[in-house]
Every structure is written in structure tokens, then in C-alpha cells.
């Protein structure tokens, strides 16, 4: 197993280290499940104070009960994957007292964020129009399935649906097989990351002008935007990209899967210079100038022939042997399963895994991809762990907090 970087756990509810870039930024997050929490976890890892609002009358964040793996009751591996370094308070925003508490929190915050269905932010009082009177600089971030306007505002929506409708399944998998989705919830993850970018843009703008705004992202918009150059090809040239054998690039060759003695390797000669280097590395220097292989256009026209010939050469050695030969010269990667990916020596070298304390024992997780200095890590909070502290911090007395609890508001 790959080595992990051991990090200490910050005191429960403690402030982020002052050296982190987002220290001092407070985000109130009406969030649950995947995309929204993934976005705010990026910000929490960078030092923002992220306060989750969970409805005590609906079981809190549904991610807490997403199995099959759990650290304890209401504390799934799934939930921990999206919520480290955060705080949690319980608050029922369907009750007037809950919405009033949200307004008090917004007065002391930089951001109020939600990943509600598109028709709900206005009903629960989390839009800029509804909060600007208590804080003109508040940024209200909204992450929904299809946006807050239009005919689908009230539609529920999930990652795989977006992959289907935005064309992803049509370009994934083998040509003679059924359409296939990506193996990860890539739209959820990318929409969360996009939301984090939007939130930061909003905060910079608000700190410059003193005026906040609504920031909207949706799963559908992000899925569509990710079509990028494939979309441009269709919109301007009418070209429809389909599925290619061996997960091949639609126009660059060799840029696909090839067989080795013990598995698969992905080779990407996406610049002409790499073709010559590959030919030298596999002992076929004459291929570099062969008329049927000399240019991208030539190789594309003869892709099936090249696949057969490259397979024949590459199957003479193992994937690991070829990786040692190609290292730093030919863009290539072994095809790993998840366990191999995480146990990779390079992952250990780059300290991409974390281990930090939890009441049930150490938790191992993948580190933030944004490197901003070492700092303590807190496991995801128990539901409502910070309710009293946070509410008292915005002016509620202990007696008021107790009354809200007895009234089912928290």
C-alpha cells in the first residue's frame, strides 16, 4: 500500500490556520450529497470556514447514509469523502425561525451557498434579493440540476442523466458495444469544482465593490460546457464525434490503448515529435519515415494496421517494462484499477494520501489537489456538532438555542 502523510486533526470547531489562503472567509452551506459538498470541501481545505446547514427533521445530509461502507451510524465513507474540515449545524429552513437564523448567519458571512433543486432557493430565502438587506456584500451561490430558470427549474437531476443528455455516453465505450457512462460521477465533481471557482469570483468582486450577487452553476450547464472542442467541431463544421476503438483520440494517432504482455498501456503521441521517439524506443526506427505512418494524417488513415503492429511489438514485454523504457520520453501510462492507482509509488512520492485521526481510528483519504501548505485536517463533523457554538456566535443566548431545539428548529 502507498505511504500516507500523517496529519494532525485540528481541534473540533477550531479556526483554520492563518497561513491558508482562504482563512477568514465564512461560507454558510445549505448542501448535501455530492456536487455541492465537493465544491465547498475544496474551499474548506484552503482555509475557509464552511458551516453546513442540515435539516434535523429530515435526517441531515443524505450522504451520511450512503453505503455500503460506514465508520459509524450516520458517518459513511461517502460522507467523509465530501465534508472534511467543515462544521455542521442543524437548522430547519422551512420554519420561520430557521430562516431568521439563516439571516443572522448571512450578516456575518461572505457566502451563502446551496445545492438545492432550482425552484427551492427562493422558497427557503437564500437568494441575493432576499439577503442583501442584511448583508449587501453577500454572495449567494446556487448549484442545481438544470438552473433556477426555465422549464426544468423544478426538475430533480443527477450526474448520469447529464452524461446521457449531453452526449457523453455516445462517445464512451467500444463502437460495437452499448453507450457507456464514465466510471466516476464526473459531472458532480466538475460542477462542484466549478461552483467553488464561481464562489471565489463572487467574493473577490464583493470585496472590491461592496456588492454581492447570485452565482449560478448547474449540472447540465457544466456537462454541456465540457463538450468543449467536440462541441465546436459540430457547431462550426457539422462533425459528430462517435466512439472509437480502444478509447482512441478521434484524430491523433497513436493515441489509444495497446496490449502488452500482461495488460494494457495507453500511449499518446499527441505531438509529431513523439512518434519518432516511440519508434526508436520500441526498436522500429524505420516506422518514423514510412510513407503510411509518417504524419498524423497518414497514421489516421492506417490506424487499424498500426494498432495490430504496435500490439505485436508491445506484447513482447510487460507494461512495467515499457513504462521504464518510455519514462520521460514517450507520453504513456499503465492502465490501473483503483487499488493500483492508489498504491502507486508516485502517489506516495508526491504525498497525495492523508491519514488523520477520527473517533473510530485513523481515516485515510486523498489529499486536496491544490497545494497550499501543510495544515491540520478535521474529519467531517457529526450532524449538528457546532450548532450551539455557531448560533451563540451570532447573538443567540443559550436559552434561545434551547428553545429552538425544543421547537424542532434545530
Foldseek 3Di string as FASTA:
>chain_A
DFDFDEFEADDVVDAFPPLFPQGPAEEEEAEADFQQLQLVVLVLLSGYAYEYEFAPVPLGHPQLPDDDAALDRSGGPSVLQRFWNYHFAYFDLQDPVRLVLVLLVQLSHQEYEYADQLQPCVVSQQFCVSRCVSAQLYEYEYEYAPHNDDDCSRPHDAQVVLCVVLCVQQADDAPPDGRDDDPDSVLSNVQSNVSNVQSVVQSVVCVVPVGGHYHYDYSNVSSNVVCPVQVVCCVPPVDHHGYYPQNCDPQFPPAGWADAQVGIKGFPPPDLVLVCVVCVLLVNNVQCPDPCRVDSVSCVVVVVVVRVVVNVSRHVHDPVVSCVSPPPRTDMDDDDDPVCVCNPNVCSVVNQKYWYADPSGIDIDGHNPDDSDDTHMGGGDDHRPCHVVSSVVSPDDPVNSVVCVVVSRD
